[in-house]
Every structure is written in C-alpha cells, then in structure tokens.
Amino acid sequence: MLYELLTGDLAFVAGDPIAVISQHLHAPVVPPRAKRPGIPPGLDALVVRLLSKQPQDRPTSAAEVQASLARLAAGETVEAVPGVAGQRHCWTASCAPAGGREQELAEVRALWKRAWREGQVLLISGEPGIRQGPAWCASC
C-alpha cells in the first residue's frame, strides 16, 4: 500500500492474475523514485526493502518499519539492502555499465538451455518499458 500511496500505481501490474503473481514472485520492483523522482532516497530504499523477494532482506517486524519511518521523519538515513536499492536500475546508453546487458543475456541463455533440456518453460516477466527511456533513468 505504501508503494501505491507514494507512486499512485500498484507495484506489480499485468494483464492477468497469473502474470501479476509471477511478478510478485520473480520480477524486481521498480523503485518508487523511478516513477516519482521527488520521493526521498531513504523512503525509496525502505519501500524496496519491504518488497524484497528475499525474506532476510525485508524488515523483520512492523516495529522495525515504524522505527525506520521515525528515523526518516527525523532526517536520519535508512540503510538500503546491498544489491537491492543500491543496484543500477537502468540499461540505457547513458547509464549502462560497460558491456551493457551481456551478463543478463548469458543468464537467460543458460536458463533457456536448462529449461529446454528438462522439458520446461522459461517465463520472463516484467513491467512494460522497464529499463528503457528517461523515466527509468531518473532514479539512476
């Protein structure tokens, strides 16, 4: 709900319920600042932590979230989860790390080969337009 209150959008949107569930399970959340650059970085980091796929990366209790919000209100910083809120969010020409998307493509190729060998399906999901265009770059 906090994500929706901050951005005016749901964190995960798709054309059908199965795709939404897939995004909840597998797709990284688009940081709120990517949609509303005026959101304070600490609040952005907290929301990303709250929506982390890994339970150990999320706050452990509502009391911890309340304490983080109180620290933010007092002007203190809230620690981001390494590799989640601090990661590069963009692959446009101006922001892409050297080499572009080669690592991602290699991972997808390896997953595709494994799925093919095992008679499985590889599902790739995400928000349309993710990692492209200036709105996404705004958070970099």
C-alpha atoms as a PDB file:
ATOM      1  CA  MET A   1       0.000   0.000   0.000  1.00  0.00           C
ATOM      2  CA  LEU A   2       2.875   2.363   0.756  1.00  0.00           C
ATOM      3  CA  TYR A   3       4.155   1.903  -2.797  1.00  0.00           C
ATOM      4  CA  GLU A   4       0.748   2.792  -4.198  1.00  0.00           C
ATOM      5  CA  LEU A   5       0.383   5.788  -1.865  1.00  0.00           C
ATOM      6  CA  LEU A   6       3.768   7.135  -2.980  1.00  0.00           C
ATOM      7  CA  THR A   7       3.512   6.478  -6.715  1.00  0.00           C
ATOM      8  CA  GLY A   8      -0.192   6.276  -7.484  1.00  0.00           C
ATOM      9  CA  ASP A   9       0.481   2.884  -9.106  1.00  0.00           C
ATOM     10  CA  LEU A  10       0.490  -0.723  -7.973  1.00  0.00           C
ATOM     11  CA  ALA A  11       3.957  -2.227  -7.569  1.00  0.00           C
ATOM     12  CA  PHE A  12       3.093  -5.063  -9.973  1.00  0.00           C
ATOM     13  CA  VAL A  13       0.690  -4.710 -12.891  1.00  0.00           C
ATOM     14  CA  ALA A  14      -0.081  -7.158 -15.679  1.00  0.00           C
ATOM     15  CA  GLY A  15      -2.898  -8.184 -17.975  1.00  0.00           C
ATOM     16  CA  ASP A  16      -3.917 -11.249 -15.994  1.00  0.00           C
ATOM     17  CA  PRO A  17      -3.673 -12.562 -12.423  1.00  0.00           C
ATOM     18  CA  ILE A  18      -1.078 -15.244 -13.260  1.00  0.00           C
ATOM     19  CA  ALA A  19       1.280 -12.616 -14.674  1.00  0.00           C
ATOM     20  CA  VAL A  20       0.821 -10.471 -11.547  1.00  0.00           C
ATOM     21  CA  ILE A  21       1.628 -13.469  -9.344  1.00  0.00           C
ATOM     22  CA  SER A  22       4.708 -14.169 -11.459  1.00  0.00           C
ATOM     23  CA  GLN A  23       5.872 -10.593 -10.993  1.00  0.00           C
ATOM     24  CA  HIS A  24       5.334 -10.825  -7.233  1.00  0.00           C
ATOM     25  CA  LEU A  25       7.492 -13.938  -7.163  1.00  0.00           C
ATOM     26  CA  HIS A  26      10.208 -13.094  -9.676  1.00  0.00           C
ATOM     27  CA  ALA A  27      10.266  -9.530 -11.038  1.00  0.00           C
ATOM     28  CA  PRO A  28      12.274  -6.860  -9.249  1.00  0.00           C
ATOM     29  CA  VAL A  29      10.159  -3.959  -8.090  1.00  0.00           C
ATOM     30  CA  VAL A  30      10.543  -0.680  -9.949  1.00  0.00           C
ATOM     31  CA  PRO A  31      11.834   1.670  -7.225  1.00  0.00           C
ATOM     32  CA  PRO A  32       9.262   4.338  -6.373  1.00  0.00           C
ATOM     33  CA  ARG A  33      11.753   7.114  -7.272  1.00  0.00           C
ATOM     34  CA  ALA A  34      11.764   5.805 -10.853  1.00  0.00           C
ATOM     35  CA  LYS A  35       8.115   6.859 -11.062  1.00  0.00           C
ATOM     36  CA  ARG A  36       8.238   9.889  -8.742  1.00  0.00           C
ATOM     37  CA  PRO A  37      11.783  11.349  -8.525  1.00  0.00           C
ATOM     38  CA  GLY A  38      10.774  13.603  -5.602  1.00  0.00           C
ATOM     39  CA  ILE A  39      10.468  10.662  -3.193  1.00  0.00           C
ATOM     40  CA  PRO A  40      13.280  10.866  -0.611  1.00  0.00           C
ATOM     41  CA  PRO A  41      16.010   8.255  -1.176  1.00  0.00           C
ATOM     42  CA  GLY A  42      15.617   6.765   2.309  1.00  0.00           C
ATOM     43  CA  LEU A  43      11.898   6.227   1.841  1.00  0.00           C
ATOM     44  CA  ASP A  44      12.568   4.742  -1.586  1.00  0.00           C
ATOM     45  CA  ALA A  45      15.082   2.318  -0.032  1.00  0.00           C
ATOM     46  CA  LEU A  46      12.623   1.336   2.696  1.00  0.00           C
ATOM     47  CA  VAL A  47       9.864   0.576   0.187  1.00  0.00           C
ATOM     48  CA  VAL A  48      12.261  -1.509  -1.919  1.00  0.00           C
ATOM     49  CA  ARG A  49      13.256  -3.414   1.244  1.00  0.00           C
ATOM     50  CA  LEU A  50       9.600  -4.017   2.095  1.00  0.00           C
ATOM     51  CA  LEU A  51       9.040  -5.536  -1.358  1.00  0.00           C
ATOM     52  CA  SER A  52      12.240  -7.594  -1.434  1.00  0.00           C
ATOM     53  CA  LYS A  53      11.919 -11.136  -2.751  1.00  0.00           C
ATOM     54  CA  GLN A  54      14.262 -12.466  -0.057  1.00  0.00           C
ATOM     55  CA  PRO A  55      12.680 -12.566   3.428  1.00  0.00           C
ATOM     56  CA  GLN A  56      16.037 -11.868   5.099  1.00  0.00           C
ATOM     57  CA  ASP A  57      16.241  -8.568   3.187  1.00  0.00           C
ATOM     58  CA  ARG A  58      12.850  -7.342   4.428  1.00  0.00           C
ATOM     59  CA  PRO A  59      12.234  -5.613   7.767  1.00  0.00           C
ATOM     60  CA  THR A  60      11.586  -8.227  10.440  1.00  0.00           C
ATOM     61  CA  SER A  61       8.594  -6.512  12.029  1.00  0.00           C
ATOM     62  CA  ALA A  62       6.142  -3.642  11.836  1.00  0.00           C
ATOM     63  CA  ALA A  63       8.047  -2.113  14.758  1.00  0.00           C
ATOM     64  CA  GLU A  64      11.209  -2.048  12.630  1.00  0.00           C
ATOM     65  CA  VAL A  65       9.315  -0.311   9.811  1.00  0.00           C
ATOM     66  CA  GLN A  66       7.868   2.182  12.290  1.00  0.00           C
ATOM     67  CA  ALA A  67      11.362   2.881  13.660  1.00  0.00           C
ATOM     68  CA  SER A  68      12.699   3.386  10.124  1.00  0.00           C
ATOM     69  CA  LEU A  69       9.865   5.800   9.320  1.00  0.00           C
ATOM     70  CA  ALA A  70      10.545   7.698  12.551  1.00  0.00           C
ATOM     71  CA  ARG A  71      14.263   7.972  11.670  1.00  0.00           C
ATOM     72  CA  LEU A  72      13.337   9.224   8.191  1.00  0.00           C
ATOM     73  CA  ALA A  73      10.966  11.798   9.684  1.00  0.00           C
ATOM     74  CA  ALA A  74      13.788  12.955  11.969  1.00  0.00           C
ATOM     75  CA  GLY A  75      16.056  13.429   8.953  1.00  0.00           C
ATOM     76  CA  GLU A  76      18.219  10.357   9.509  1.00  0.00           C
ATOM     77  CA  THR A  77      19.137   7.929   6.752  1.00  0.00           C
ATOM     78  CA  VAL A  78      17.756   4.417   6.436  1.00  0.00           C
ATOM     79  CA  GLU A  79      20.146   1.684   5.371  1.00  0.00           C
ATOM     80  CA  ALA A  80      19.448   0.191   1.959  1.00  0.00           C
ATOM     81  CA  VAL A  81      19.776  -3.510   1.286  1.00  0.00           C
ATOM     82  CA  PRO A  82      23.073  -4.074  -0.572  1.00  0.00           C
ATOM     83  CA  GLY A  83      22.398  -5.167  -4.122  1.00  0.00           C
ATOM     84  CA  VAL A  84      18.727  -4.208  -3.994  1.00  0.00           C
ATOM     85  CA  ALA A  85      18.144  -0.497  -3.570  1.00  0.00           C
ATOM     86  CA  GLY A  86      21.732   0.341  -4.450  1.00  0.00           C
ATOM     87  CA  GLN A  87      21.818  -1.516  -7.750  1.00  0.00           C
ATOM     88  CA  ARG A  88      21.847   0.133 -11.164  1.00  0.00           C
ATOM     89  CA  HIS A  89      18.292   0.426 -12.389  1.00  0.00           C
ATOM     90  CA  CYS A  90      18.898   1.369 -15.970  1.00  0.00           C
ATOM     91  CA  TRP A  91      20.485  -0.003 -19.113  1.00  0.00           C
ATOM     92  CA  THR A  92      20.143   2.970 -21.438  1.00  0.00           C
ATOM     93  CA  ALA A  93      23.213   4.045 -23.356  1.00  0.00           C
ATOM     94  CA  SER A  94      23.995   6.876 -20.944  1.00  0.00           C
ATOM     95  CA  CYS A  95      23.736   4.744 -17.789  1.00  0.00           C
ATOM     96  CA  ALA A  96      24.633   1.195 -18.816  1.00  0.00           C
ATOM     97  CA  PRO A  97      27.703  -0.305 -17.217  1.00  0.00           C
ATOM     98  CA  ALA A  98      30.479  -1.347 -19.576  1.00  0.00           C
ATOM     99  CA  GLY A  99      29.318  -4.298 -21.602  1.00  0.00           C
ATOM    100  CA  GLY A 100      25.614  -3.486 -21.457  1.00  0.00           C
ATOM    101  CA  ARG A 101      23.356  -6.497 -20.955  1.00  0.00           C
ATOM    102  CA  GLU A 102      25.789  -9.330 -21.730  1.00  0.00           C
ATOM    103  CA  GLN A 103      25.620 -10.818 -18.230  1.00  0.00           C
ATOM    104  CA  GLU A 104      21.822 -10.777 -18.197  1.00  0.00           C
ATOM    105  CA  LEU A 105      21.682 -12.330 -21.662  1.00  0.00           C
ATOM    106  CA  ALA A 106      24.143 -15.054 -20.645  1.00  0.00           C
ATOM    107  CA  GLU A 107      21.956 -15.881 -17.630  1.00  0.00           C
ATOM    108  CA  VAL A 108      18.840 -16.050 -19.802  1.00  0.00           C
ATOM    109  CA  ARG A 109      20.622 -18.265 -22.351  1.00  0.00           C
ATOM    110  CA  ALA A 110      21.750 -20.643 -19.594  1.00  0.00           C
ATOM    111  CA  LEU A 111      18.239 -20.786 -18.135  1.00  0.00           C
ATOM    112  CA  TRP A 112      16.746 -21.330 -21.595  1.00  0.00           C
ATOM    113  CA  LYS A 113      19.130 -24.235 -22.309  1.00  0.00           C
ATOM    114  CA  ARG A 114      18.312 -25.817 -18.925  1.00  0.00           C
ATOM    115  CA  ALA A 115      14.561 -25.418 -19.465  1.00  0.00           C
ATOM    116  CA  TRP A 116      14.875 -26.900 -22.963  1.00  0.00           C
ATOM    117  CA  ARG A 117      16.875 -29.919 -21.704  1.00  0.00           C
ATOM    118  CA  GLU A 118      14.407 -30.580 -18.888  1.00  0.00           C
ATOM    119  CA  GLY A 119      11.267 -30.063 -20.998  1.00  0.00           C
ATOM    120  CA  GLN A 120      10.269 -26.981 -19.041  1.00  0.00           C
ATOM    121  CA  VAL A 121       9.161 -23.479 -19.931  1.00  0.00           C
ATOM    122  CA  LEU A 122      11.125 -20.298 -19.295  1.00  0.00           C
ATOM    123  CA  LEU A 123       8.866 -17.436 -18.200  1.00  0.00           C
ATOM    124  CA  ILE A 124      10.248 -13.912 -18.441  1.00  0.00           C
ATOM    125  CA  SER A 125       8.090 -11.204 -16.941  1.00  0.00           C
ATOM    126  CA  GLY A 126       8.340  -7.566 -16.072  1.00  0.00           C
ATOM    127  CA  GLU A 127       6.720  -4.219 -16.387  1.00  0.00           C
ATOM    128  CA  PRO A 128       6.449  -2.986 -19.985  1.00  0.00           C
ATOM    129  CA  GLY A 129       9.082  -0.388 -20.744  1.00  0.00           C
ATOM    130  CA  ILE A 130      11.288  -1.297 -17.834  1.00  0.00           C
ATOM    131  CA  ARG A 131      14.973  -0.431 -18.239  1.00  0.00           C
ATOM    132  CA  GLN A 132      14.434   1.945 -21.074  1.00  0.00           C
ATOM    133  CA  GLY A 133      13.602   5.584 -21.518  1.00  0.00           C
ATOM    134  CA  PRO A 134      14.231   8.677 -19.437  1.00  0.00           C
ATOM    135  CA  ALA A 135      11.593   7.958 -16.766  1.00  0.00           C
ATOM    136  CA  TRP A 136      13.570   4.901 -15.696  1.00  0.00           C
ATOM    137  CA  CYS A 137      16.848   6.843 -15.808  1.00  0.00           C
ATOM    138  CA  ALA A 138      15.504   9.391 -13.354  1.00  0.00           C
ATOM    139  CA  SER A 139      16.346   7.049 -10.484  1.00  0.00           C
ATOM    140  CA  CYS A 140      19.955   6.422 -11.511  1.00  0.00           C
END
